[in-house]
N, C-alpha and C. Protein backbone atom coordinates (compact mmCIF):
# COMPACT_ATOMS: atom_id res chain seq x y z
N MET A 1 14.56 -42.86 -149.18
CA MET A 1 15.05 -43.56 -150.39
C MET A 1 13.80 -43.97 -151.38
N PHE A 2 13.34 -45.20 -150.71
CA PHE A 2 11.36 -45.10 -151.69
C PHE A 2 10.50 -44.60 -150.96
N GLN A 3 9.35 -44.61 -151.36
CA GLN A 3 8.73 -44.29 -151.10
C GLN A 3 7.77 -45.14 -151.07
N LYS A 4 6.42 -45.63 -150.23
CA LYS A 4 5.63 -45.90 -150.37
C LYS A 4 4.63 -46.15 -151.38
N THR A 5 4.17 -47.48 -151.76
CA THR A 5 3.60 -47.99 -152.80
C THR A 5 2.53 -47.40 -152.88
N GLY A 6 1.98 -46.48 -153.28
CA GLY A 6 0.44 -45.76 -153.49
C GLY A 6 -0.35 -44.34 -152.77
N SER A 7 1.22 -43.50 -152.50
CA SER A 7 2.02 -42.41 -151.31
C SER A 7 2.28 -41.37 -152.74
N CYS A 8 2.82 -41.87 -154.44
CA CYS A 8 2.88 -41.24 -154.66
C CYS A 8 1.95 -40.20 -155.80
N PHE A 9 1.00 -40.58 -154.98
CA PHE A 9 -0.68 -39.41 -155.40
C PHE A 9 -0.93 -38.13 -154.85
N VAL A 10 -0.61 -38.16 -153.72
CA VAL A 10 -0.97 -36.97 -152.87
C VAL A 10 -0.77 -36.04 -152.90
N PRO A 11 0.90 -35.89 -153.12
CA PRO A 11 1.86 -35.19 -153.48
C PRO A 11 1.49 -34.07 -154.43
N VAL A 12 1.31 -34.91 -155.73
CA VAL A 12 0.92 -34.66 -157.16
C VAL A 12 -0.46 -34.33 -157.21
N LEU A 13 -1.34 -34.28 -155.83
CA LEU A 13 -3.39 -33.20 -156.06
C LEU A 13 -2.42 -32.39 -155.52
N LYS A 14 -1.95 -32.02 -154.51
CA LYS A 14 -1.37 -30.96 -153.49
C LYS A 14 -0.86 -29.93 -154.39
N GLN A 15 -0.08 -30.34 -155.67
CA GLN A 15 -0.11 -29.69 -156.50
C GLN A 15 -0.77 -28.72 -157.82
N ILE A 16 -1.95 -29.55 -157.88
CA ILE A 16 -2.76 -29.02 -158.60
C ILE A 16 -3.27 -28.22 -157.65
N THR A 17 -3.55 -27.27 -159.09
CA THR A 17 -4.67 -25.45 -158.32
C THR A 17 -5.93 -25.83 -158.34
N TRP A 18 -6.30 -25.54 -157.21
CA TRP A 18 -7.53 -25.72 -156.73
C TRP A 18 -8.52 -24.25 -156.57
N ASN A 19 -7.73 -23.14 -156.96
CA ASN A 19 -8.51 -22.25 -156.95
C ASN A 19 -8.85 -21.80 -158.42
N ILE A 20 -9.28 -22.74 -158.89
CA ILE A 20 -9.90 -22.45 -160.49
C ILE A 20 -11.12 -20.96 -160.98
N ARG A 21 -10.35 -20.01 -161.48
CA ARG A 21 -11.13 -19.31 -161.64
C ARG A 21 -11.98 -19.03 -162.73
N ASP A 22 -12.14 -20.01 -163.39
CA ASP A 22 -13.52 -20.09 -164.73
C ASP A 22 -14.38 -21.12 -163.93
N PRO A 23 -15.68 -20.66 -164.45
CA PRO A 23 -16.39 -22.14 -163.50
C PRO A 23 -16.70 -23.21 -164.00
N MET A 24 -17.04 -22.83 -165.46
CA MET A 24 -16.69 -24.34 -166.48
C MET A 24 -15.56 -24.78 -166.37
N ALA A 25 -13.58 -24.35 -166.00
CA ALA A 25 -13.30 -25.19 -165.83
C ALA A 25 -13.57 -25.45 -164.50
N SER A 26 -14.02 -25.21 -163.73
CA SER A 26 -13.81 -25.86 -162.30
C SER A 26 -15.48 -26.87 -162.62
N LEU A 27 -15.97 -27.26 -163.13
CA LEU A 27 -16.87 -28.17 -162.95
C LEU A 27 -16.39 -29.26 -164.10
N LEU A 28 -15.14 -29.16 -164.69
CA LEU A 28 -14.52 -29.96 -165.44
C LEU A 28 -13.53 -31.02 -164.67
N PHE A 29 -13.40 -29.85 -163.93
CA PHE A 29 -12.49 -30.20 -162.83
C PHE A 29 -12.89 -31.48 -161.32
N ARG A 30 -14.09 -30.32 -161.30
CA ARG A 30 -14.73 -31.55 -160.37
C ARG A 30 -15.42 -32.59 -160.92
N LEU A 31 -15.83 -32.66 -162.49
CA LEU A 31 -16.23 -33.65 -163.47
C LEU A 31 -15.44 -34.94 -162.70
N ALA A 32 -14.22 -34.36 -162.94
CA ALA A 32 -12.93 -35.29 -163.46
C ALA A 32 -12.19 -36.29 -162.00
N LEU A 33 -12.79 -35.20 -160.58
CA LEU A 33 -12.15 -35.63 -159.88
C LEU A 33 -13.39 -37.21 -159.18
N ILE A 34 -14.35 -36.99 -159.96
CA ILE A 34 -15.95 -37.96 -159.67
C ILE A 34 -15.15 -38.98 -160.06
N SER A 35 -15.72 -38.32 -161.68
CA SER A 35 -15.21 -39.61 -162.02
C SER A 35 -14.35 -40.98 -161.15
N PHE A 36 -12.73 -40.14 -161.24
CA PHE A 36 -11.41 -40.77 -160.36
C PHE A 36 -11.99 -41.52 -159.53
N VAL A 37 -12.85 -40.41 -158.76
CA VAL A 37 -13.31 -41.51 -157.18
C VAL A 37 -14.90 -43.03 -157.33
N VAL A 38 -15.34 -42.39 -158.36
CA VAL A 38 -16.15 -44.00 -159.13
C VAL A 38 -15.07 -44.86 -159.60
N LYS A 39 -14.29 -44.44 -160.32
CA LYS A 39 -13.50 -45.58 -161.19
C LYS A 39 -13.05 -46.24 -160.04
N THR A 40 -12.21 -45.54 -158.53
CA THR A 40 -11.26 -45.95 -157.57
C THR A 40 -11.93 -47.26 -156.82
N VAL A 41 -13.40 -47.10 -156.29
CA VAL A 41 -14.37 -47.78 -155.74
C VAL A 41 -14.62 -49.00 -155.94
N LEU A 42 -15.15 -48.19 -157.73
CA LEU A 42 -15.66 -49.60 -158.67
C LEU A 42 -14.10 -50.52 -159.11
N LYS A 43 -13.19 -50.14 -158.78
CA LYS A 43 -11.66 -51.12 -159.02
C LYS A 43 -11.78 -51.63 -157.80
N ALA A 44 -11.36 -51.07 -156.45
CA ALA A 44 -11.95 -51.72 -154.73
C ALA A 44 -12.73 -52.75 -154.85
N GLY A 45 -13.86 -53.09 -155.38
CA GLY A 45 -14.91 -53.07 -155.19
C GLY A 45 -15.29 -54.44 -155.79
N THR A 46 -14.08 -55.07 -156.98
CA THR A 46 -13.82 -56.22 -157.98
C THR A 46 -13.23 -56.86 -156.36
N VAL A 47 -13.05 -56.57 -155.26
CA VAL A 47 -12.73 -57.91 -155.23
C VAL A 47 -14.13 -58.34 -154.62
N ILE A 48 -15.09 -58.48 -154.05
CA ILE A 48 -15.92 -58.60 -154.06
C ILE A 48 -16.66 -59.70 -155.70
N PRO A 49 -16.75 -60.92 -155.35
CA PRO A 49 -16.60 -61.40 -156.38
C PRO A 49 -17.73 -61.52 -157.94
N GLU A 50 -18.83 -60.64 -157.43
CA GLU A 50 -20.19 -60.39 -157.97
C GLU A 50 -19.89 -59.40 -159.13
N LEU A 51 -19.22 -57.94 -158.25
CA LEU A 51 -18.93 -56.44 -158.65
C LEU A 51 -18.31 -57.31 -159.67
N GLY A 52 -16.92 -57.82 -159.01
CA GLY A 52 -15.65 -57.74 -160.10
C GLY A 52 -16.31 -58.59 -161.61
N TYR A 53 -17.42 -59.22 -161.06
CA TYR A 53 -18.01 -59.97 -162.80
C TYR A 53 -18.41 -59.17 -163.36
N ALA A 54 -19.47 -58.37 -162.69
CA ALA A 54 -20.14 -57.30 -163.24
C ALA A 54 -18.97 -56.36 -164.36
N VAL A 55 -18.11 -56.02 -163.21
CA VAL A 55 -17.14 -54.51 -163.78
C VAL A 55 -17.06 -55.73 -165.20
N PHE A 56 -15.82 -56.88 -164.78
CA PHE A 56 -14.94 -57.38 -166.00
C PHE A 56 -15.99 -58.48 -167.54
N GLY A 57 -17.40 -58.73 -166.85
CA GLY A 57 -17.61 -59.71 -167.05
C GLY A 57 -18.91 -59.18 -167.88
N LEU A 58 -19.39 -58.38 -168.10
CA LEU A 58 -20.44 -57.81 -168.69
C LEU A 58 -19.86 -57.13 -169.50
N ARG A 59 -20.16 -56.86 -171.25
CA ARG A 59 -20.07 -55.74 -172.15
C ARG A 59 -20.19 -54.60 -172.29
N PRO A 60 -21.80 -54.07 -171.63
CA PRO A 60 -22.05 -52.71 -171.17
C PRO A 60 -20.90 -52.03 -170.46
N ILE A 61 -20.73 -53.40 -168.72
CA ILE A 61 -20.13 -52.48 -167.62
C ILE A 61 -18.85 -52.12 -168.48
N ILE A 62 -17.96 -52.52 -168.93
CA ILE A 62 -16.50 -52.89 -169.30
C ILE A 62 -16.51 -51.36 -170.33
N ILE A 63 -17.30 -51.77 -171.17
CA ILE A 63 -16.87 -50.16 -172.14
C ILE A 63 -17.40 -49.03 -171.46
N GLY A 64 -18.47 -49.20 -170.63
CA GLY A 64 -18.79 -47.76 -169.45
C GLY A 64 -18.18 -47.43 -168.16
N PHE A 65 -16.90 -48.81 -168.22
CA PHE A 65 -15.92 -48.35 -167.74
C PHE A 65 -14.95 -47.60 -168.08
N LEU A 66 -14.68 -48.10 -168.79
CA LEU A 66 -13.53 -47.38 -170.50
C LEU A 66 -13.79 -45.86 -170.49
N HIS A 67 -15.17 -45.97 -170.82
CA HIS A 67 -15.87 -44.56 -170.54
C HIS A 67 -15.45 -43.44 -169.78
N LEU A 68 -16.19 -44.57 -168.81
CA LEU A 68 -15.58 -43.27 -167.25
C LEU A 68 -13.77 -42.98 -167.15
N VAL A 69 -13.51 -43.75 -167.16
CA VAL A 69 -11.86 -43.39 -167.63
C VAL A 69 -11.69 -42.52 -168.01
N PHE A 70 -11.90 -43.20 -169.48
CA PHE A 70 -11.11 -41.63 -170.59
C PHE A 70 -11.99 -40.72 -171.15
N LEU A 71 -13.17 -40.91 -171.06
CA LEU A 71 -14.38 -39.26 -170.83
C LEU A 71 -14.13 -38.47 -170.30
N GLY A 72 -14.61 -39.75 -169.14
CA GLY A 72 -14.64 -38.64 -167.68
C GLY A 72 -13.46 -38.50 -167.36
N LEU A 73 -12.59 -39.06 -166.93
CA LEU A 73 -11.52 -38.55 -166.40
C LEU A 73 -10.58 -37.98 -166.71
N VAL A 74 -9.67 -38.00 -167.96
CA VAL A 74 -9.08 -37.36 -169.23
C VAL A 74 -9.37 -36.55 -169.75
N SER A 75 -10.18 -37.05 -170.32
CA SER A 75 -11.26 -35.76 -171.59
C SER A 75 -11.83 -34.32 -170.31
N PHE A 76 -12.50 -34.79 -168.97
CA PHE A 76 -12.63 -33.55 -168.14
C PHE A 76 -11.45 -32.96 -167.72
N TYR A 77 -11.15 -33.78 -167.47
CA TYR A 77 -9.69 -33.22 -166.61
C TYR A 77 -8.82 -32.05 -168.25
N ILE A 78 -8.74 -32.65 -169.24
CA ILE A 78 -7.52 -32.39 -170.16
C ILE A 78 -8.44 -30.52 -170.74
N LEU A 79 -9.80 -31.15 -170.74
CA LEU A 79 -10.59 -29.61 -171.12
C LEU A 79 -10.11 -28.90 -169.66
N SER A 80 -10.25 -29.13 -168.95
CA SER A 80 -9.95 -28.00 -167.68
C SER A 80 -9.20 -27.59 -167.79
N GLU A 81 -7.84 -28.05 -167.88
CA GLU A 81 -6.27 -27.48 -168.17
C GLU A 81 -6.95 -26.64 -169.05
N TYR A 82 -7.16 -27.08 -170.19
CA TYR A 82 -7.41 -25.98 -171.47
C TYR A 82 -7.94 -24.89 -171.25
N ILE A 83 -9.23 -24.68 -170.21
CA ILE A 83 -10.18 -23.64 -170.96
C ILE A 83 -9.21 -22.61 -169.20
N ARG A 84 -8.17 -23.52 -167.91
CA ARG A 84 -7.94 -22.98 -167.03
C ARG A 84 -6.55 -22.50 -168.03
N ARG A 85 -5.47 -22.52 -168.93
CA ARG A 85 -4.47 -22.05 -169.11
C ARG A 85 -4.89 -21.07 -170.34
N GLN A 86 -5.97 -20.88 -171.04
CA GLN A 86 -6.81 -20.33 -171.91
C GLN A 86 -6.34 -20.78 -173.24
N VAL A 87 -6.89 -21.94 -172.87
CA VAL A 87 -5.98 -22.50 -174.65
C VAL A 87 -7.87 -22.25 -175.77
N LEU A 88 -8.86 -22.77 -174.68
CA LEU A 88 -9.63 -22.61 -174.97
C LEU A 88 -11.41 -21.65 -174.26
N ASP A 89 -11.56 -20.42 -175.36
CA ASP A 89 -12.15 -19.69 -174.73
C ASP A 89 -13.89 -19.60 -174.41
N THR A 90 -13.88 -19.90 -173.32
CA THR A 90 -15.26 -19.96 -172.78
C THR A 90 -16.43 -18.96 -173.03
N GLY A 91 -15.60 -17.71 -173.37
CA GLY A 91 -15.90 -16.28 -173.40
C GLY A 91 -17.33 -16.68 -174.64
N LYS A 92 -17.37 -17.86 -175.78
CA LYS A 92 -17.76 -17.37 -177.07
C LYS A 92 -18.74 -18.78 -176.62
N ALA A 93 -19.90 -18.42 -177.04
CA ALA A 93 -21.09 -19.17 -177.09
C ALA A 93 -21.11 -20.83 -177.38
N LEU A 94 -20.24 -20.98 -178.66
CA LEU A 94 -19.82 -22.10 -179.16
C LEU A 94 -19.10 -22.85 -178.47
N SER A 95 -18.27 -22.58 -177.84
CA SER A 95 -17.32 -23.60 -176.69
C SER A 95 -18.03 -23.41 -175.55
N ARG A 96 -18.78 -22.66 -175.20
CA ARG A 96 -19.76 -23.04 -174.03
C ARG A 96 -20.85 -23.91 -174.41
N ASN A 97 -21.49 -24.07 -175.36
CA ASN A 97 -22.18 -25.18 -176.17
C ASN A 97 -21.98 -26.08 -176.31
N ALA A 98 -20.53 -26.41 -176.82
CA ALA A 98 -19.97 -27.62 -177.35
C ALA A 98 -19.58 -28.35 -175.93
N ILE A 99 -19.12 -28.18 -175.27
CA ILE A 99 -18.14 -27.81 -173.89
C ILE A 99 -20.03 -28.90 -173.30
N ASN A 100 -20.81 -28.17 -172.86
CA ASN A 100 -22.01 -28.16 -172.41
C ASN A 100 -22.98 -29.54 -172.97
N GLY A 101 -22.82 -29.98 -174.33
CA GLY A 101 -22.79 -30.91 -174.82
C GLY A 101 -22.30 -32.14 -174.38
N PHE A 102 -21.32 -31.56 -174.63
CA PHE A 102 -20.17 -33.28 -173.78
C PHE A 102 -20.75 -33.15 -172.64
N ILE A 103 -20.36 -32.86 -172.07
CA ILE A 103 -20.76 -33.02 -170.72
C ILE A 103 -22.17 -33.44 -170.25
N VAL A 104 -23.52 -33.45 -170.98
CA VAL A 104 -24.40 -34.33 -170.89
C VAL A 104 -23.83 -34.96 -171.71
N SER A 105 -23.48 -35.07 -172.86
CA SER A 105 -23.77 -37.00 -173.55
C SER A 105 -22.87 -37.86 -172.39
N VAL A 106 -21.68 -37.28 -172.14
CA VAL A 106 -21.14 -38.16 -171.34
C VAL A 106 -21.74 -38.57 -169.82
N VAL A 107 -22.88 -37.65 -169.30
CA VAL A 107 -23.37 -38.69 -168.15
C VAL A 107 -24.34 -39.22 -169.16
N ALA A 108 -24.61 -38.46 -169.98
CA ALA A 108 -25.90 -39.77 -169.99
C ALA A 108 -25.40 -41.42 -170.54
N ARG A 109 -24.59 -41.27 -171.92
CA ARG A 109 -23.70 -42.52 -171.94
C ARG A 109 -23.15 -43.38 -170.30
N GLU A 110 -23.32 -42.76 -169.77
CA GLU A 110 -22.48 -43.00 -168.45
C GLU A 110 -23.55 -43.49 -167.63
N THR A 111 -24.87 -43.09 -167.74
CA THR A 111 -25.88 -43.31 -166.78
C THR A 111 -26.44 -44.74 -167.99
N ILE A 112 -26.89 -44.49 -169.25
CA ILE A 112 -27.41 -45.64 -169.24
C ILE A 112 -26.74 -47.48 -169.63
N LEU A 113 -25.23 -47.27 -169.56
CA LEU A 113 -24.78 -48.25 -169.82
C LEU A 113 -24.84 -48.83 -168.98
N PRO A 114 -24.16 -48.82 -167.48
CA PRO A 114 -24.51 -49.16 -166.49
C PRO A 114 -26.05 -49.75 -166.47
N VAL A 115 -27.02 -49.20 -167.02
CA VAL A 115 -28.42 -49.42 -166.19
C VAL A 115 -28.55 -50.67 -167.67
N GLN A 116 -28.13 -50.53 -168.68
CA GLN A 116 -28.37 -51.56 -169.63
C GLN A 116 -27.32 -52.84 -168.94
N GLY A 117 -25.96 -53.09 -168.36
CA GLY A 117 -26.11 -53.68 -167.52
C GLY A 117 -25.75 -54.86 -166.61
N ILE A 118 -26.41 -53.76 -165.86
CA ILE A 118 -27.17 -54.42 -164.52
C ILE A 118 -28.60 -55.27 -165.46
N GLY A 119 -29.28 -54.97 -166.23
CA GLY A 119 -30.22 -55.98 -166.50
C GLY A 119 -29.75 -57.20 -167.82
N LEU A 120 -28.49 -57.24 -167.71
CA LEU A 120 -28.31 -58.49 -169.19
C LEU A 120 -28.19 -59.76 -168.20
N PRO A 121 -28.01 -59.65 -166.63
CA PRO A 121 -27.94 -61.07 -166.00
C PRO A 121 -29.26 -61.25 -165.41
N GLY A 122 -30.41 -60.57 -164.92
CA GLY A 122 -31.74 -61.21 -164.87
C GLY A 122 -32.49 -61.15 -166.15
N GLY A 123 -31.57 -61.12 -167.24
CA GLY A 123 -32.50 -60.87 -168.90
C GLY A 123 -33.83 -60.04 -168.86
N LEU A 124 -33.37 -58.36 -168.33
CA LEU A 124 -34.24 -57.40 -168.51
C LEU A 124 -33.78 -56.89 -169.39
N SER A 125 -32.37 -57.32 -169.99
CA SER A 125 -32.19 -56.00 -171.18
C SER A 125 -33.15 -56.02 -172.73
N SER A 126 -32.79 -54.87 -172.96
CA SER A 126 -33.67 -55.24 -174.43
C SER A 126 -32.74 -56.70 -175.12
N PRO A 127 -33.82 -57.36 -175.94
CA PRO A 127 -34.02 -58.59 -176.61
C PRO A 127 -33.19 -58.45 -177.95
N LEU A 128 -32.77 -56.75 -178.08
CA LEU A 128 -31.74 -56.35 -179.65
C LEU A 128 -30.16 -57.19 -179.17
N PHE A 129 -30.46 -57.07 -178.17
CA PHE A 129 -28.74 -57.05 -177.56
C PHE A 129 -28.42 -58.37 -177.68
N ASN A 130 -27.06 -59.46 -177.67
CA ASN A 130 -27.10 -60.51 -177.50
C ASN A 130 -26.59 -60.52 -176.36
């Protein structure tokens, strides 16, 4: 009658098509999965008080965490589905370049924010930020 808590995700994951033909859609889908795994590990790691403070107490880390969820997980998955359902045509150079630019900017931003946040407690970050 009732499902165990937390077991609802597995049947949904099994329904996802793993044989994505378009390489760009496959890349975006894999990046979405990587973002999900990183988010889950960070969320589970908040049981450690120091990591919990870093994730929920430092502004750059909070913003990086939100970007990871919304840009990394949601946007990558939506773009992957649009390509898979042929709403977006990756055969056009403009589409490919725009998606590649988006991927590079999200990865760069997700690299910069944690580095900035890690330097805050030790006073190693830029003096321009309070």
